[in-house]
Every structure is written in C-alpha cells, then in structure tokens.
Amino acid sequence: MNDVRKRAQDAAYTAIGVGILGAQQIAQLGEQALDAAKSQLEDARQALSGRVHPLVSDVRERLTDVRDRVEPLVDRVQATAESVVSTGTAKARSLLGREPEQSPPARHAA
C-alpha cells in the first residue's frame, strides 16, 4: 500500500512540476509575443513617420506660399475699402450740405 501511495504522490509531484514548467513556458511565450508586437509597432511607427513628415512639411510650405500671396491682396482690399468709405462719406456730407471734415488721406498698398 505504501508503494501505491508513493507512486500516487510521485505522480502528483510530477503533474505539479509539469504544470509549473508549462506555466513558465507560457509566460515566456507571452513575453516574446509582447516583445515582437512592440518591435512591429515601432517599425510601423517609424515607417509611418517617414511618410507623414514629408507630407506635413509639404503642406506647411504650400500654406506659407498661399499666405504670402493672400496677405498683399488683403492689404489692397483693406486700403481700397478705406478709400471708398472716405470718398463716400465726403460725397454724402457734400450732398447734405455739411462741411467736410479734414480726414486723413486714404492709404494705398503698393
């Protein structure tokens, strides 16, 4: 009976040992999978960054070009609007018989 008991105990210890070894292998496999996923994610990030940065740079350059072209137009429109308002105000005062006030000369953008 002791022999059967010993064998059952040995079998139980062996089963527990195999279970522990299996758990350790699963943990190592999980760590390896996580490391591989991190590596692939970093590779993808670098590849994407290599493609996105030139696009962003190109868009910034184009927006700067547009701004450089639009700013002078805005200045000209603003100067023209000031001139129209000034002229219109003077004509309205003249039509109403009021003395025109001394107004500063209108600006004109070059």
PDB file of N, CA and C in Angstrom:
ATOM      1  N   MET A   1       0.818  -1.179   0.000  1.00  0.00           N
ATOM      2  CA  MET A   1       0.000   0.000   0.000  1.00  0.00           C
ATOM      3  C   MET A   1       0.864   1.246   0.000  1.00  0.00           C
ATOM      4  N   ASN A   2       1.955   1.176   0.705  1.00  0.00           N
ATOM      5  CA  ASN A   2       2.890   2.288   0.705  1.00  0.00           C
ATOM      6  C   ASN A   2       3.436   2.537  -0.688  1.00  0.00           C
ATOM      7  N   ASP A   3       3.624   1.467  -1.444  1.00  0.00           N
ATOM      8  CA  ASP A   3       4.146   1.580  -2.799  1.00  0.00           C
ATOM      9  C   ASP A   3       3.156   2.340  -3.686  1.00  0.00           C
ATOM     10  N   VAL A   4       1.871   2.052  -3.575  1.00  0.00           N
ATOM     11  CA  VAL A   4       0.846   2.728  -4.359  1.00  0.00           C
ATOM     12  C   VAL A   4       0.771   4.202  -3.940  1.00  0.00           C
ATOM     13  N   ARG A   5       0.847   4.393  -2.653  1.00  0.00           N
ATOM     14  CA  ARG A   5       0.804   5.745  -2.113  1.00  0.00           C
ATOM     15  C   ARG A   5       2.001   6.564  -2.608  1.00  0.00           C
ATOM     16  N   LYS A   6       3.159   5.974  -2.607  1.00  0.00           N
ATOM     17  CA  LYS A   6       4.379   6.626  -3.072  1.00  0.00           C
ATOM     18  C   LYS A   6       4.268   6.973  -4.552  1.00  0.00           C
ATOM     19  N   ARG A   7       3.748   6.024  -5.323  1.00  0.00           N
ATOM     20  CA  ARG A   7       3.599   6.261  -6.760  1.00  0.00           C
ATOM     21  C   ARG A   7       2.585   7.383  -7.025  1.00  0.00           C
ATOM     22  N   ALA A   8       1.502   7.411  -6.289  1.00  0.00           N
ATOM     23  CA  ALA A   8       0.493   8.461  -6.453  1.00  0.00           C
ATOM     24  C   ALA A   8       1.081   9.819  -6.075  1.00  0.00           C
ATOM     25  N   GLN A   9       1.863   9.822  -4.999  1.00  0.00           N
ATOM     26  CA  GLN A   9       2.497  11.055  -4.573  1.00  0.00           C
ATOM     27  C   GLN A   9       3.513  11.521  -5.621  1.00  0.00           C
ATOM     28  N   ASP A  10       4.313  10.602  -6.146  1.00  0.00           N
ATOM     29  CA  ASP A  10       5.285  10.938  -7.197  1.00  0.00           C
ATOM     30  C   ASP A  10       4.565  11.453  -8.443  1.00  0.00           C
ATOM     31  N   ALA A  11       3.465  10.819  -8.790  1.00  0.00           N
ATOM     32  CA  ALA A  11       2.697  11.243  -9.961  1.00  0.00           C
ATOM     33  C   ALA A  11       2.132  12.644  -9.741  1.00  0.00           C
ATOM     34  N   ALA A  12       1.656  12.908  -8.531  1.00  0.00           N
ATOM     35  CA  ALA A  12       1.116  14.233  -8.217  1.00  0.00           C
ATOM     36  C   ALA A  12       2.219  15.282  -8.300  1.00  0.00           C
ATOM     37  N   TYR A  13       3.385  14.984  -7.732  1.00  0.00           N
ATOM     38  CA  TYR A  13       4.504  15.928  -7.796  1.00  0.00           C
ATOM     39  C   TYR A  13       4.946  16.161  -9.245  1.00  0.00           C
ATOM     40  N   THR A  14       4.962  15.084 -10.011  1.00  0.00           N
ATOM     41  CA  THR A  14       5.341  15.200 -11.424  1.00  0.00           C
ATOM     42  C   THR A  14       4.328  16.066 -12.165  1.00  0.00           C
ATOM     43  N   ALA A  15       3.031  15.852 -11.913  1.00  0.00           N
ATOM     44  CA  ALA A  15       1.992  16.640 -12.571  1.00  0.00           C
ATOM     45  C   ALA A  15       2.116  18.117 -12.192  1.00  0.00           C
ATOM     46  N   ILE A  16       2.377  18.369 -10.917  1.00  0.00           N
ATOM     47  CA  ILE A  16       2.542  19.753 -10.460  1.00  0.00           C
ATOM     48  C   ILE A  16       3.773  20.373 -11.115  1.00  0.00           C
ATOM     49  N   GLY A  17       4.862  19.628 -11.178  1.00  0.00           N
ATOM     50  CA  GLY A  17       6.092  20.126 -11.802  1.00  0.00           C
ATOM     51  C   GLY A  17       5.888  20.439 -13.281  1.00  0.00           C
ATOM     52  N   VAL A  18       5.191  19.531 -13.977  1.00  0.00           N
ATOM     53  CA  VAL A  18       4.908  19.757 -15.397  1.00  0.00           C
ATOM     54  C   VAL A  18       4.010  20.996 -15.558  1.00  0.00           C
ATOM     55  N   GLY A  19       3.062  21.154 -14.678  1.00  0.00           N
ATOM     56  CA  GLY A  19       2.177  22.326 -14.718  1.00  0.00           C
ATOM     57  C   GLY A  19       2.965  23.615 -14.514  1.00  0.00           C
ATOM     58  N   ILE A  20       3.899  23.593 -13.560  1.00  0.00           N
ATOM     59  CA  ILE A  20       4.726  24.785 -13.308  1.00  0.00           C
ATOM     60  C   ILE A  20       5.603  25.081 -14.511  1.00  0.00           C
ATOM     61  N   LEU A  21       6.229  24.037 -15.077  1.00  0.00           N
ATOM     62  CA  LEU A  21       7.057  24.233 -16.269  1.00  0.00           C
ATOM     63  C   LEU A  21       6.224  24.771 -17.433  1.00  0.00           C
ATOM     64  N   GLY A  22       5.026  24.252 -17.579  1.00  0.00           N
ATOM     65  CA  GLY A  22       4.129  24.729 -18.640  1.00  0.00           C
ATOM     66  C   GLY A  22       3.761  26.190 -18.436  1.00  0.00           C
ATOM     67  N   ALA A  23       3.459  26.552 -17.204  1.00  0.00           N
ATOM     68  CA  ALA A  23       3.117  27.939 -16.898  1.00  0.00           C
ATOM     69  C   ALA A  23       4.299  28.861 -17.185  1.00  0.00           C
ATOM     70  N   GLN A  24       5.510  28.414 -16.843  1.00  0.00           N
ATOM     71  CA  GLN A  24       6.701  29.215 -17.125  1.00  0.00           C
ATOM     72  C   GLN A  24       6.898  29.386 -18.627  1.00  0.00           C
ATOM     73  N   GLN A  25       6.689  28.314 -19.385  1.00  0.00           N
ATOM     74  CA  GLN A  25       6.827  28.395 -20.839  1.00  0.00           C
ATOM     75  C   GLN A  25       5.787  29.341 -21.446  1.00  0.00           C
ATOM     76  N   ILE A  26       4.575  29.279 -20.930  1.00  0.00           N
ATOM     77  CA  ILE A  26       3.516  30.167 -21.419  1.00  0.00           C
ATOM     78  C   ILE A  26       3.871  31.618 -21.112  1.00  0.00           C
ATOM     79  N   ALA A  27       4.402  31.875 -19.912  1.00  0.00           N
ATOM     80  CA  ALA A  27       4.805  33.238 -19.549  1.00  0.00           C
ATOM     81  C   ALA A  27       5.918  33.730 -20.468  1.00  0.00           C
ATOM     82  N   GLN A  28       6.895  32.876 -20.741  1.00  0.00           N
ATOM     83  CA  GLN A  28       7.987  33.266 -21.644  1.00  0.00           C
ATOM     84  C   GLN A  28       7.458  33.520 -23.058  1.00  0.00           C
ATOM     85  N   LEU A  29       6.552  32.662 -23.497  1.00  0.00           N
ATOM     86  CA  LEU A  29       5.965  32.837 -24.822  1.00  0.00           C
ATOM     87  C   LEU A  29       5.191  34.158 -24.892  1.00  0.00           C
ATOM     88  N   GLY A  30       4.463  34.480 -23.834  1.00  0.00           N
ATOM     89  CA  GLY A  30       3.727  35.740 -23.773  1.00  0.00           C
ATOM     90  C   GLY A  30       4.674  36.935 -23.826  1.00  0.00           C
ATOM     91  N   GLU A  31       5.786  36.867 -23.101  1.00  0.00           N
ATOM     92  CA  GLU A  31       6.772  37.946 -23.132  1.00  0.00           C
ATOM     93  C   GLU A  31       7.377  38.091 -24.522  1.00  0.00           C
ATOM     94  N   GLN A  32       7.672  36.976 -25.163  1.00  0.00           N
ATOM     95  CA  GLN A  32       8.236  37.021 -26.514  1.00  0.00           C
ATOM     96  C   GLN A  32       7.226  37.615 -27.499  1.00  0.00           C
ATOM     97  N   ALA A  33       5.973  37.234 -27.364  1.00  0.00           N
ATOM     98  CA  ALA A  33       4.935  37.772 -28.246  1.00  0.00           C
ATOM     99  C   ALA A  33       4.778  39.276 -28.029  1.00  0.00           C
ATOM    100  N   LEU A  34       4.829  39.703 -26.777  1.00  0.00           N
ATOM    101  CA  LEU A  34       4.724  41.125 -26.464  1.00  0.00           C
ATOM    102  C   LEU A  34       5.914  41.893 -27.035  1.00  0.00           C
ATOM    103  N   ASP A  35       7.114  41.354 -26.884  1.00  0.00           N
ATOM    104  CA  ASP A  35       8.305  41.992 -27.442  1.00  0.00           C
ATOM    105  C   ASP A  35       8.206  42.087 -28.967  1.00  0.00           C
ATOM    106  N   ALA A  36       7.739  41.023 -29.605  1.00  0.00           N
ATOM    107  CA  ALA A  36       7.599  41.028 -31.063  1.00  0.00           C
ATOM    108  C   ALA A  36       6.560  42.068 -31.497  1.00  0.00           C
ATOM    109  N   ALA A  37       5.453  42.160 -30.763  1.00  0.00           N
ATOM    110  CA  ALA A  37       4.416  43.143 -31.086  1.00  0.00           C
ATOM    111  C   ALA A  37       4.946  44.560 -30.915  1.00  0.00           C
ATOM    112  N   LYS A  38       5.706  44.800 -29.847  1.00  0.00           N
ATOM    113  CA  LYS A  38       6.291  46.127 -29.622  1.00  0.00           C
ATOM    114  C   LYS A  38       7.257  46.477 -30.755  1.00  0.00           C
ATOM    115  N   SER A  39       8.053  45.513 -31.164  1.00  0.00           N
ATOM    116  CA  SER A  39       9.012  45.738 -32.245  1.00  0.00           C
ATOM    117  C   SER A  39       8.295  46.068 -33.550  1.00  0.00           C
ATOM    118  N   GLN A  40       7.245  45.317 -33.860  1.00  0.00           N
ATOM    119  CA  GLN A  40       6.487  45.571 -35.088  1.00  0.00           C
ATOM    120  C   GLN A  40       5.783  46.928 -35.024  1.00  0.00           C
ATOM    121  N   LEU A  41       5.277  47.276 -33.859  1.00  0.00           N
ATOM    122  CA  LEU A  41       4.624  48.570 -33.688  1.00  0.00           C
ATOM    123  C   LEU A  41       5.624  49.708 -33.889  1.00  0.00           C
ATOM    124  N   GLU A  42       6.821  49.575 -33.347  1.00  0.00           N
ATOM    125  CA  GLU A  42       7.857  50.590 -33.522  1.00  0.00           C
ATOM    126  C   GLU A  42       8.267  50.700 -34.990  1.00  0.00           C
ATOM    127  N   ASP A  43       8.409  49.559 -35.661  1.00  0.00           N
ATOM    128  CA  ASP A  43       8.739  49.575 -37.090  1.00  0.00           C
ATOM    129  C   ASP A  43       7.648  50.296 -37.894  1.00  0.00           C
ATOM    130  N   ALA A  44       6.401  50.012 -37.567  1.00  0.00           N
ATOM    131  CA  ALA A  44       5.281  50.654 -38.264  1.00  0.00           C
ATOM    132  C   ALA A  44       5.254  52.145 -37.982  1.00  0.00           C
ATOM    133  N   ARG A  45       5.522  52.534 -36.735  1.00  0.00           N
ATOM    134  CA  ARG A  45       5.551  53.950 -36.368  1.00  0.00           C
ATOM    135  C   ARG A  45       6.640  54.683 -37.141  1.00  0.00           C
ATOM    136  N   GLN A  46       7.807  54.082 -37.234  1.00  0.00           N
ATOM    137  CA  GLN A  46       8.906  54.716 -37.960  1.00  0.00           C
ATOM    138  C   GLN A  46       8.591  54.819 -39.456  1.00  0.00           C
ATOM    139  N   ALA A  47       8.008  53.774 -40.015  1.00  0.00           N
ATOM    140  CA  ALA A  47       7.651  53.807 -41.434  1.00  0.00           C
ATOM    141  C   ALA A  47       6.602  54.888 -41.698  1.00  0.00           C
ATOM    142  N   LEU A  48       5.613  54.970 -40.833  1.00  0.00           N
ATOM    143  CA  LEU A  48       4.564  55.979 -40.982  1.00  0.00           C
ATOM    144  C   LEU A  48       5.139  57.377 -40.799  1.00  0.00           C
ATOM    145  N   SER A  49       5.990  57.535 -39.817  1.00  0.00           N
ATOM    146  CA  SER A  49       6.625  58.828 -39.566  1.00  0.00           C
ATOM    147  C   SER A  49       7.440  59.261 -40.777  1.00  0.00           C
ATOM    148  N   GLY A  50       8.119  58.323 -41.391  1.00  0.00           N
ATOM    149  CA  GLY A  50       8.896  58.637 -42.583  1.00  0.00           C
ATOM    150  C   GLY A  50       8.036  59.107 -43.735  1.00  0.00           C
ATOM    151  N   ARG A  51       6.798  58.698 -43.766  1.00  0.00           N
ATOM    152  CA  ARG A  51       5.882  59.120 -44.829  1.00  0.00           C
ATOM    153  C   ARG A  51       5.117  60.383 -44.460  1.00  0.00           C
ATOM    154  N   VAL A  52       4.780  60.536 -43.191  1.00  0.00           N
ATOM    155  CA  VAL A  52       3.953  61.665 -42.758  1.00  0.00           C
ATOM    156  C   VAL A  52       4.756  62.962 -42.701  1.00  0.00           C
ATOM    157  N   HIS A  53       5.969  62.908 -42.166  1.00  0.00           N
ATOM    158  CA  HIS A  53       6.755  64.137 -42.012  1.00  0.00           C
ATOM    159  C   HIS A  53       6.960  64.874 -43.338  1.00  0.00           C
ATOM    160  N   PRO A  54       7.314  64.198 -44.423  1.00  0.00           N
ATOM    161  CA  PRO A  54       7.437  64.934 -45.682  1.00  0.00           C
ATOM    162  C   PRO A  54       6.109  65.548 -46.136  1.00  0.00           C
ATOM    163  N   LEU A  55       5.001  64.855 -45.908  1.00  0.00           N
ATOM    164  CA  LEU A  55       3.693  65.401 -46.287  1.00  0.00           C
ATOM    165  C   LEU A  55       3.362  66.648 -45.480  1.00  0.00           C
ATOM    166  N   VAL A  56       3.605  66.591 -44.180  1.00  0.00           N
ATOM    167  CA  VAL A  56       3.334  67.738 -43.317  1.00  0.00           C
ATOM    168  C   VAL A  56       4.214  68.911 -43.736  1.00  0.00           C
ATOM    169  N   SER A  57       5.456  68.631 -44.020  1.00  0.00           N
ATOM    170  CA  SER A  57       6.384  69.676 -44.459  1.00  0.00           C
ATOM    171  C   SER A  57       5.899  70.310 -45.764  1.00  0.00           C
ATOM    172  N   ASP A  58       5.447  69.493 -46.692  1.00  0.00           N
ATOM    173  CA  ASP A  58       4.949  69.986 -47.973  1.00  0.00           C
ATOM    174  C   ASP A  58       3.706  70.849 -47.771  1.00  0.00           C
ATOM    175  N   VAL A  59       2.795  70.415 -46.911  1.00  0.00           N
ATOM    176  CA  VAL A  59       1.569  71.183 -46.649  1.00  0.00           C
ATOM    177  C   VAL A  59       1.927  72.530 -46.011  1.00  0.00           C
ATOM    178  N   ARG A  60       2.866  72.534 -45.058  1.00  0.00           N
ATOM    179  CA  ARG A  60       3.283  73.798 -44.437  1.00  0.00           C
ATOM    180  C   ARG A  60       3.854  74.751 -45.484  1.00  0.00           C
ATOM    181  N   GLU A  61       4.681  74.223 -46.373  1.00  0.00           N
ATOM    182  CA  GLU A  61       5.287  75.049 -47.414  1.00  0.00           C
ATOM    183  C   GLU A  61       4.212  75.644 -48.323  1.00  0.00           C
ATOM    184  N   ARG A  62       3.250  74.828 -48.705  1.00  0.00           N
ATOM    185  CA  ARG A  62       2.175  75.320 -49.573  1.00  0.00           C
ATOM    186  C   ARG A  62       1.319  76.367 -48.871  1.00  0.00           C
ATOM    187  N   LEU A  63       1.031  76.142 -47.591  1.00  0.00           N
ATOM    188  CA  LEU A  63       0.241  77.121 -46.839  1.00  0.00           C
ATOM    189  C   LEU A  63       0.993  78.436 -46.687  1.00  0.00           C
ATOM    190  N   THR A  64       2.291  78.360 -46.508  1.00  0.00           N
ATOM    191  CA  THR A  64       3.105  79.569 -46.426  1.00  0.00           C
ATOM    192  C   THR A  64       3.050  80.319 -47.749  1.00  0.00           C
ATOM    193  N   ASP A  65       3.142  79.589 -48.867  1.00  0.00           N
ATOM    194  CA  ASP A  65       3.041  80.224 -50.188  1.00  0.00           C
ATOM    195  C   ASP A  65       1.684  80.914 -50.365  1.00  0.00           C
ATOM    196  N   VAL A  66       0.621  80.242 -49.959  1.00  0.00           N
ATOM    197  CA  VAL A  66      -0.728  80.819 -50.084  1.00  0.00           C
ATOM    198  C   VAL A  66      -0.827  82.078 -49.217  1.00  0.00           C
ATOM    199  N   ARG A  67      -0.340  81.995 -47.987  1.00  0.00           N
ATOM    200  CA  ARG A  67      -0.379  83.155 -47.093  1.00  0.00           C
ATOM    201  C   ARG A  67       0.389  84.323 -47.697  1.00  0.00           C
ATOM    202  N   ASP A  68       1.565  84.046 -48.249  1.00  0.00           N
ATOM    203  CA  ASP A  68       2.380  85.098 -48.848  1.00  0.00           C
ATOM    204  C   ASP A  68       1.685  85.751 -50.046  1.00  0.00           C
ATOM    205  N   ARG A  69       0.864  85.002 -50.747  1.00  0.00           N
ATOM    206  CA  ARG A  69       0.128  85.559 -51.882  1.00  0.00           C
ATOM    207  C   ARG A  69      -1.133  86.300 -51.437  1.00  0.00           C
ATOM    208  N   VAL A  70      -1.763  85.851 -50.376  1.00  0.00           N
ATOM    209  CA  VAL A  70      -3.038  86.413 -49.947  1.00  0.00           C
ATOM    210  C   VAL A  70      -2.847  87.687 -49.127  1.00  0.00           C
ATOM    211  N   GLU A  71      -1.821  87.754 -48.293  1.00  0.00           N
ATOM    212  CA  GLU A  71      -1.638  88.925 -47.432  1.00  0.00           C
ATOM    213  C   GLU A  71      -1.598  90.235 -48.218  1.00  0.00           C
ATOM    214  N   PRO A  72      -0.844  90.339 -49.321  1.00  0.00           N
ATOM    215  CA  PRO A  72      -0.864  91.598 -50.073  1.00  0.00           C
ATOM    216  C   PRO A  72      -2.253  91.916 -50.640  1.00  0.00           C
ATOM    217  N   LEU A  73      -2.982  90.886 -51.055  1.00  0.00           N
ATOM    218  CA  LEU A  73      -4.339  91.116 -51.566  1.00  0.00           C
ATOM    219  C   LEU A  73      -5.247  91.661 -50.475  1.00  0.00           C
ATOM    220  N   VAL A  74      -5.124  91.121 -49.282  1.00  0.00           N
ATOM    221  CA  VAL A  74      -5.939  91.598 -48.157  1.00  0.00           C
ATOM    222  C   VAL A  74      -5.596  93.057 -47.866  1.00  0.00           C
ATOM    223  N   ASP A  75      -4.316  93.386 -47.880  1.00  0.00           N
ATOM    224  CA  ASP A  75      -3.912  94.778 -47.640  1.00  0.00           C
ATOM    225  C   ASP A  75      -4.491  95.712 -48.701  1.00  0.00           C
ATOM    226  N   ARG A  76      -4.459  95.284 -49.971  1.00  0.00           N
ATOM    227  CA  ARG A  76      -5.004  96.110 -51.051  1.00  0.00           C
ATOM    228  C   ARG A  76      -6.514  96.281 -50.915  1.00  0.00           C
ATOM    229  N   VAL A  77      -7.211  95.198 -50.575  1.00  0.00           N
ATOM    230  CA  VAL A  77      -8.668  95.281 -50.392  1.00  0.00           C
ATOM    231  C   VAL A  77      -8.998  96.208 -49.234  1.00  0.00           C
ATOM    232  N   GLN A  78      -8.243  96.111 -48.157  1.00  0.00           N
ATOM    233  CA  GLN A  78      -8.494  96.967 -47.000  1.00  0.00           C
ATOM    234  C   GLN A  78      -8.245  98.431 -47.359  1.00  0.00           C
ATOM    235  N   ALA A  79      -7.178  98.716 -48.077  1.00  0.00           N
ATOM    236  CA  ALA A  79      -6.887 100.093 -48.479  1.00  0.00           C
ATOM    237  C   ALA A  79      -7.968 100.622 -49.406  1.00  0.00           C
ATOM    238  N   THR A  80      -8.413  99.810 -50.339  1.00  0.00           N
ATOM    239  CA  THR A  80      -9.478 100.215 -51.257  1.00  0.00           C
ATOM    240  C   THR A  80     -10.766 100.467 -50.498  1.00  0.00           C
ATOM    241  N   ALA A  81     -11.093  99.612 -49.549  1.00  0.00           N
ATOM    242  CA  ALA A  81     -12.309  99.788 -48.753  1.00  0.00           C
ATOM    243  C   ALA A  81     -12.245 101.082 -47.954  1.00  0.00           C
ATOM    244  N   GLU A  82     -11.085 101.388 -47.378  1.00  0.00           N
ATOM    245  CA  GLU A  82     -10.938 102.636 -46.624  1.00  0.00           C
ATOM    246  C   GLU A  82     -11.118 103.841 -47.545  1.00  0.00           C
ATOM    247  N   SER A  83     -10.569 103.738 -48.730  1.00  0.00           N
ATOM    248  CA  SER A  83     -10.698 104.826 -49.697  1.00  0.00           C
ATOM    249  C   SER A  83     -12.150 105.021 -50.113  1.00  0.00           C
ATOM    250  N   VAL A  84     -12.853 103.925 -50.390  1.00  0.00           N
ATOM    251  CA  VAL A  84     -14.264 104.001 -50.783  1.00  0.00           C
ATOM    252  C   VAL A  84     -15.092 104.610 -49.660  1.00  0.00           C
ATOM    253  N   VAL A  85     -14.858 104.203 -48.439  1.00  0.00           N
ATOM    254  CA  VAL A  85     -15.607 104.740 -47.293  1.00  0.00           C
ATOM    255  C   VAL A  85     -15.323 106.225 -47.144  1.00  0.00           C
ATOM    256  N   SER A  86     -14.062 106.601 -47.263  1.00  0.00           N
ATOM    257  CA  SER A  86     -13.685 108.004 -47.125  1.00  0.00           C
ATOM    258  C   SER A  86     -14.342 108.849 -48.217  1.00  0.00           C
ATOM    259  N   THR A  87     -14.265 108.390 -49.465  1.00  0.00           N
ATOM    260  CA  THR A  87     -14.870 109.110 -50.584  1.00  0.00           C
ATOM    261  C   THR A  87     -16.387 109.171 -50.434  1.00  0.00           C
ATOM    262  N   GLY A  88     -16.983 108.072 -50.069  1.00  0.00           N
ATOM    263  CA  GLY A  88     -18.441 108.024 -49.890  1.00  0.00           C
ATOM    264  C   GLY A  88     -18.897 108.945 -48.787  1.00  0.00           C
ATOM    265  N   THR A  89     -18.156 108.991 -47.706  1.00  0.00           N
ATOM    266  CA  THR A  89     -18.502 109.876 -46.585  1.00  0.00           C
ATOM    267  C   THR A  89     -18.413 111.342 -47.021  1.00  0.00           C
ATOM    268  N   ALA A  90     -17.350 111.677 -47.749  1.00  0.00           N
ATOM    269  CA  ALA A  90     -17.192 113.060 -48.222  1.00  0.00           C
ATOM    270  C   ALA A  90     -18.325 113.442 -49.167  1.00  0.00           C
ATOM    271  N   LYS A  91     -18.688 112.564 -50.083  1.00  0.00           N
ATOM    272  CA  LYS A  91     -19.780 112.849 -51.025  1.00  0.00           C
ATOM    273  C   LYS A  91     -21.105 112.980 -50.287  1.00  0.00           C
ATOM    274  N   ALA A  92     -21.341 112.122 -49.302  1.00  0.00           N
ATOM    275  CA  ALA A  92     -22.589 112.200 -48.533  1.00  0.00           C
ATOM    276  C   ALA A  92     -22.673 113.516 -47.791  1.00  0.00           C
ATOM    277  N   ARG A  93     -21.594 113.971 -47.209  1.00  0.00           N
ATOM    278  CA  ARG A  93     -21.584 115.260 -46.496  1.00  0.00           C
ATOM    279  C   ARG A  93     -21.821 116.416 -47.471  1.00  0.00           C
ATOM    280  N   SER A  94     -21.222 116.300 -48.633  1.00  0.00           N
ATOM    281  CA  SER A  94     -21.389 117.345 -49.647  1.00  0.00           C
ATOM    282  C   SER A  94     -22.845 117.424 -50.082  1.00  0.00           C
ATOM    283  N   LEU A  95     -23.463 116.270 -50.310  1.00  0.00           N
ATOM    284  CA  LEU A  95     -24.866 116.244 -50.724  1.00  0.00           C
ATOM    285  C   LEU A  95     -25.784 116.768 -49.629  1.00  0.00           C
ATOM    286  N   LEU A  96     -25.422 116.544 -48.379  1.00  0.00           N
ATOM    287  CA  LEU A  96     -26.247 117.003 -47.270  1.00  0.00           C
ATOM    288  C   LEU A  96     -25.942 118.464 -46.910  1.00  0.00           C
ATOM    289  N   GLY A  97     -24.979 119.056 -47.594  1.00  0.00           N
ATOM    290  CA  GLY A  97     -24.634 120.439 -47.350  1.00  0.00           C
ATOM    291  C   GLY A  97     -23.821 120.651 -46.101  1.00  0.00           C
ATOM    292  N   ARG A  98     -23.183 119.661 -45.652  1.00  0.00           N
ATOM    293  CA  ARG A  98     -22.351 119.788 -44.460  1.00  0.00           C
ATOM    294  C   ARG A  98     -20.911 120.028 -44.883  1.00  0.00           C
ATOM    295  N   GLU A  99     -20.249 120.721 -44.041  1.00  0.00           N
ATOM    296  CA  GLU A  99     -18.845 121.000 -44.286  1.00  0.00           C
ATOM    297  C   GLU A  99     -18.049 119.711 -44.114  1.00  0.00           C
ATOM    298  N   PRO A 100     -17.248 119.318 -45.111  1.00  0.00           N
ATOM    299  CA  PRO A 100     -16.450 118.085 -44.927  1.00  0.00           C
ATOM    300  C   PRO A 100     -15.372 118.279 -43.868  1.00  0.00           C
ATOM    301  N   GLU A 101     -15.220 117.262 -43.057  1.00  0.00           N
ATOM    302  CA  GLU A 101     -14.183 117.303 -42.030  1.00  0.00           C
ATOM    303  C   GLU A 101     -12.855 116.951 -42.673  1.00  0.00           C
ATOM    304  N   GLN A 102     -11.811 117.447 -42.042  1.00  0.00           N
ATOM    305  CA  GLN A 102     -10.482 117.088 -42.524  1.00  0.00           C
ATOM    306  C   GLN A 102     -10.253 115.627 -42.159  1.00  0.00           C
ATOM    307  N   SER A 103     -10.117 114.796 -43.161  1.00  0.00           N
ATOM    308  CA  SER A 103      -9.872 113.386 -42.897  1.00  0.00           C
ATOM    309  C   SER A 103      -8.490 113.044 -43.407  1.00  0.00           C
ATOM    310  N   PRO A 104      -7.871 112.107 -42.766  1.00  0.00           N
ATOM    311  CA  PRO A 104      -6.532 111.720 -43.206  1.00  0.00           C
ATOM    312  C   PRO A 104      -6.616 111.112 -44.621  1.00  0.00           C
ATOM    313  N   PRO A 105      -5.571 111.306 -45.410  1.00  0.00           N
ATOM    314  CA  PRO A 105      -5.583 110.722 -46.749  1.00  0.00           C
ATOM    315  C   PRO A 105      -5.674 109.215 -46.694  1.00  0.00           C
ATOM    316  N   ALA A 106      -6.334 108.645 -47.681  1.00  0.00           N
ATOM    317  CA  ALA A 106      -6.510 107.183 -47.736  1.00  0.00           C
ATOM    318  C   ALA A 106      -5.174 106.527 -48.054  1.00  0.00           C
ATOM    319  N   ARG A 107      -4.964 105.373 -47.439  1.00  0.00           N
ATOM    320  CA  ARG A 107      -3.742 104.586 -47.704  1.00  0.00           C
ATOM    321  C   ARG A 107      -3.947 103.758 -48.951  1.00  0.00           C
ATOM    322  N   HIS A 108      -2.913 103.593 -49.680  1.00  0.00           N
ATOM    323  CA  HIS A 108      -2.952 102.706 -50.838  1.00  0.00           C
ATOM    324  C   HIS A 108      -1.774 101.775 -50.743  1.00  0.00           C
ATOM    325  N   ALA A 109      -2.058 100.483 -50.791  1.00  0.00           N
ATOM    326  CA  ALA A 109      -0.975  99.494 -50.741  1.00  0.00           C
ATOM    327  C   ALA A 109      -0.322  99.421 -52.112  1.00  0.00           C
ATOM    328  N   ALA A 110       0.957  99.202 -52.099  1.00  0.00           N
ATOM    329  CA  ALA A 110       1.686  99.121 -53.371  1.00  0.00           C
ATOM    330  C   ALA A 110       1.556  97.790 -54.018  1.00  0.00           C
TER     331      ALA A 110
END
